[in-house]
């Protein structure tokens, strides 16, 4: 969420997000990530998961399902209230799903195979990322969303930044570290290793 309408909300004060479907409890946004966008407008960044009948995280499933049914978002912070009349969010999420399928094809992967995986790519472990020293001295924080292509042997072959609220130093650190990481490859519907992708968002937050 980006825009001047968010200015009454203070990034140092916890904000709650309430959906018009009556979801309980409200989502608590305890800390904003980089609450200023490229055009110098306040921004709130958060991630919701879509409904997945095979998911093992009931809370995430509930949030995704409720979000798809909502038409209005209500932000509350320190007595201040902002209501966003978004319209049907299910239409937005369906459009994003279509974009995701198109992206998979652009990466050279078969969307049908990716939709029927019996196991997605799993990370084996990653060494701690280094916080860029100059950025730390300036008090700069960052949020980097990226995706990687992983071959059938679990080896990363490509790293791309999808979205970044940061400087190039953070982006370079993320890709350099992730390209040196080993993964367990995805398995197709028959349990055979296949090339796939791994996507994640990494936040650099100062204490």
Protein backbone atom coordinates (compact mmCIF):
# COMPACT_ATOMS: atom_id res chain seq x y z
CA UNK A 1 0.00 0.00 0.00
CA UNK A 2 1.51 3.29 -1.11
CA UNK A 3 0.16 6.83 -1.09
CA UNK A 4 -0.33 10.10 0.71
CA UNK A 5 -3.46 8.69 2.36
CA UNK A 6 -1.15 6.74 4.69
CA UNK A 7 0.53 9.88 6.07
CA UNK A 8 -1.64 10.08 9.22
CA UNK A 9 -0.26 6.69 10.26
CA UNK A 10 3.06 6.79 12.09
CA UNK A 11 5.55 4.04 11.16
CA UNK A 12 6.84 3.85 14.74
CA UNK A 13 3.39 2.91 16.07
CA UNK A 14 1.88 -0.53 15.52
CA UNK A 15 -0.88 -0.63 12.91
CA UNK A 16 -3.68 -3.16 12.58
CA UNK A 17 -5.33 -4.29 9.33
CA UNK A 18 -8.99 -5.31 9.46
CA UNK A 19 -10.86 -6.87 6.52
CA UNK A 20 -14.56 -6.23 5.92
CA UNK A 21 -15.21 -9.98 6.06
CA UNK A 22 -14.91 -9.79 9.83
CA UNK A 23 -11.70 -11.79 10.05
CA UNK A 24 -10.56 -12.32 13.65
CA UNK A 25 -8.15 -11.41 14.98
CA UNK A 26 -7.08 -8.35 12.93
CA UNK A 27 -3.62 -8.54 11.36
CA UNK A 28 -1.05 -6.60 13.34
CA UNK A 29 1.65 -4.76 11.40
CA UNK A 30 4.17 -4.22 14.18
CA UNK A 31 6.80 -2.57 12.03
CA UNK A 32 6.79 -1.02 8.59
CA UNK A 33 9.52 -1.84 6.11
CA UNK A 34 11.04 1.24 4.50
CA UNK A 35 7.92 3.39 5.00
CA UNK A 36 8.87 5.70 2.11
CA UNK A 37 8.53 4.63 -1.52
CA UNK A 38 10.57 5.72 -4.54
CA UNK A 39 8.23 8.69 -5.05
CA UNK A 40 8.64 9.67 -1.38
CA UNK A 41 5.16 8.55 -0.38
CA UNK A 42 4.54 6.45 2.76
CA UNK A 43 4.30 2.71 2.13
CA UNK A 44 3.24 -0.40 4.01
CA UNK A 45 4.56 -3.74 2.73
CA UNK A 46 2.99 -7.01 3.80
CA UNK A 47 2.56 -10.49 2.37
CA UNK A 48 -0.53 -12.71 2.40
CA UNK A 49 -0.68 -16.33 1.21
CA UNK A 50 -3.37 -17.62 -1.12
CA UNK A 51 -5.68 -20.43 -0.09
CA UNK A 52 -4.08 -23.85 -0.56
CA UNK A 53 -5.98 -27.02 0.32
CA UNK A 54 -2.70 -28.86 0.85
CA UNK A 55 -1.16 -26.20 3.08
CA UNK A 56 -0.05 -27.21 6.55
CA UNK A 57 -0.39 -23.69 7.96
CA UNK A 58 -4.11 -23.15 8.76
CA UNK A 59 -3.63 -19.54 9.84
CA UNK A 60 -2.00 -18.56 6.55
CA UNK A 61 -4.74 -20.33 4.60
CA UNK A 62 -7.46 -18.48 6.53
CA UNK A 63 -5.84 -15.11 5.92
CA UNK A 64 -5.49 -15.75 2.18
CA UNK A 65 -9.09 -16.92 1.82
CA UNK A 66 -10.48 -13.96 3.76
CA UNK A 67 -8.39 -11.50 1.77
CA UNK A 68 -9.80 -12.82 -1.49
CA UNK A 69 -13.36 -12.18 -0.29
CA UNK A 70 -12.79 -8.65 0.98
CA UNK A 71 -13.77 -5.42 -0.78
CA UNK A 72 -12.56 -2.97 1.85
CA UNK A 73 -9.47 -2.61 4.06
CA UNK A 74 -9.41 -0.75 7.36
CA UNK A 75 -6.13 0.46 8.88
CA UNK A 76 -6.08 1.51 12.53
CA UNK A 77 -3.18 3.13 14.36
CA UNK A 78 -3.11 5.21 17.56
CA UNK A 79 -6.75 6.24 17.24
CA UNK A 80 -6.43 7.10 13.55
CA UNK A 81 -8.49 5.15 11.01
CA UNK A 82 -8.09 4.88 7.24
CA UNK A 83 -10.60 2.95 5.13
CA UNK A 84 -9.61 1.82 1.62
CA UNK A 85 -12.51 0.83 -0.65
CA UNK A 86 -10.57 -1.56 -2.86
CA UNK A 87 -13.42 -3.33 -4.62
CA UNK A 88 -13.37 -7.15 -5.04
CA UNK A 89 -9.84 -8.30 -4.18
CA UNK A 90 -10.52 -11.76 -5.63
CA UNK A 91 -10.32 -10.26 -9.12
CA UNK A 92 -6.94 -8.75 -8.29
CA UNK A 93 -5.59 -12.02 -6.90
CA UNK A 94 -6.83 -13.96 -9.94
CA UNK A 95 -5.04 -11.49 -12.22
CA UNK A 96 -1.86 -11.96 -10.18
CA UNK A 97 -2.18 -15.73 -10.53
CA UNK A 98 -2.34 -15.34 -14.31
CA UNK A 99 0.77 -13.14 -14.23
CA UNK A 100 2.58 -15.76 -12.13
CA UNK A 101 1.81 -18.48 -14.69
CA UNK A 102 3.07 -16.25 -17.50
CA UNK A 103 6.26 -15.51 -15.56
CA UNK A 104 6.99 -19.21 -15.04
CA UNK A 105 6.75 -19.73 -18.80
CA UNK A 106 9.09 -16.79 -19.43
CA UNK A 107 11.64 -18.40 -17.11
CA UNK A 108 11.69 -21.42 -19.43
CA UNK A 109 9.69 -23.70 -17.12
CA UNK A 110 6.58 -25.67 -18.03
CA UNK A 111 3.64 -24.16 -16.06
CA UNK A 112 1.73 -27.46 -16.11
CA UNK A 113 4.64 -29.33 -14.53
CA UNK A 114 5.09 -26.60 -11.94
CA UNK A 115 1.40 -26.72 -10.97
CA UNK A 116 1.54 -30.50 -10.38
CA UNK A 117 4.77 -30.73 -8.36
CA UNK A 118 4.76 -33.31 -5.58
CA UNK A 119 7.49 -31.31 -3.83
CA UNK A 120 8.63 -27.75 -4.28
CA UNK A 121 12.24 -26.61 -4.10
CA UNK A 122 13.55 -26.71 -0.53
CA UNK A 123 16.52 -24.74 0.75
CA UNK A 124 19.08 -26.85 2.61
CA UNK A 125 20.46 -23.94 4.60
CA UNK A 126 22.05 -20.56 4.08
CA UNK A 127 24.97 -18.81 5.70
CA UNK A 128 24.17 -15.53 7.50
CA UNK A 129 23.95 -12.58 5.13
CA UNK A 130 26.33 -9.68 5.63
CA UNK A 131 24.74 -6.33 6.40
CA UNK A 132 26.45 -3.76 4.10
CA UNK A 133 28.63 -1.72 6.47
CA UNK A 134 27.94 1.68 4.91
CA UNK A 135 24.20 1.01 4.99
CA UNK A 136 24.40 -0.03 8.62
CA UNK A 137 26.20 3.18 9.53
CA UNK A 138 23.48 5.21 7.81
CA UNK A 139 20.74 3.24 9.56
CA UNK A 140 19.39 2.00 6.24
CA UNK A 141 17.07 -1.01 6.17
CA UNK A 142 15.97 -3.03 3.16
CA UNK A 143 13.50 -5.54 1.80
CA UNK A 144 14.51 -7.58 -1.25
CA UNK A 145 12.18 -9.94 -3.12
CA UNK A 146 13.93 -12.32 -5.48
CA UNK A 147 13.55 -15.57 -7.38
CA UNK A 148 16.06 -18.17 -8.45
CA UNK A 149 16.05 -20.94 -11.04
CA UNK A 150 17.08 -24.29 -9.55
CA UNK A 151 18.04 -27.19 -11.80
CA UNK A 152 17.10 -30.84 -11.32
CA UNK A 153 20.23 -31.40 -9.21
CA UNK A 154 19.41 -28.63 -6.77
CA UNK A 155 21.96 -26.18 -8.16
CA UNK A 156 21.02 -22.47 -8.55
CA UNK A 157 21.46 -21.31 -12.13
CA UNK A 158 20.05 -17.78 -12.00
CA UNK A 159 19.11 -15.10 -9.47
CA UNK A 160 16.86 -12.17 -10.30
CA UNK A 161 15.55 -9.34 -8.13
CA UNK A 162 11.77 -9.11 -8.51
CA UNK A 163 11.23 -6.07 -6.30
CA UNK A 164 13.50 -4.16 -4.01
CA UNK A 165 13.13 -1.42 -1.45
CA UNK A 166 16.85 -1.05 -1.00
CA UNK A 167 20.15 -0.08 -2.60
CA UNK A 168 22.20 -2.19 -5.02
CA UNK A 169 24.48 -3.23 -2.14
CA UNK A 170 21.67 -5.21 -0.51
CA UNK A 171 20.61 -6.76 -3.83
CA UNK A 172 24.17 -7.84 -4.62
CA UNK A 173 24.58 -9.40 -1.18
CA UNK A 174 21.34 -11.37 -1.50
CA UNK A 175 22.10 -12.82 -4.94
CA UNK A 176 25.74 -13.57 -4.15
CA UNK A 177 24.79 -15.49 -1.02
CA UNK A 178 21.84 -17.32 -2.57
CA UNK A 179 23.80 -18.44 -5.65
CA UNK A 180 26.20 -20.21 -3.29
CA UNK A 181 23.39 -22.04 -1.49
CA UNK A 182 22.40 -25.65 -2.11
CA UNK A 183 18.79 -26.74 -2.54
CA UNK A 184 16.77 -29.92 -2.69
CA UNK A 185 15.28 -29.98 -6.20
CA UNK A 186 11.58 -29.98 -6.93
CA UNK A 187 9.89 -33.29 -7.76
CA UNK A 188 7.29 -33.72 -10.48
CA UNK A 189 4.01 -35.59 -10.03
CA UNK A 190 5.91 -38.90 -10.38
CA UNK A 191 8.59 -37.98 -7.84
CA UNK A 192 11.27 -37.31 -10.46
CA UNK A 193 13.59 -34.29 -9.88
CA UNK A 194 12.85 -31.40 -12.24
CA UNK A 195 14.01 -27.84 -12.74
CA UNK A 196 11.92 -25.32 -10.86
CA UNK A 197 12.23 -22.01 -9.00
CA UNK A 198 12.64 -20.68 -5.49
CA UNK A 199 11.20 -17.30 -4.47
CA UNK A 200 11.56 -15.47 -1.20
CA UNK A 201 11.76 -12.04 0.40
CA UNK A 202 14.68 -11.10 2.64
CA UNK A 203 14.50 -8.20 5.07
CA UNK A 204 17.48 -6.37 6.54
CA UNK A 205 16.33 -4.86 9.84
CA UNK A 206 18.42 -3.02 12.41
CA UNK A 207 17.71 -3.68 16.12
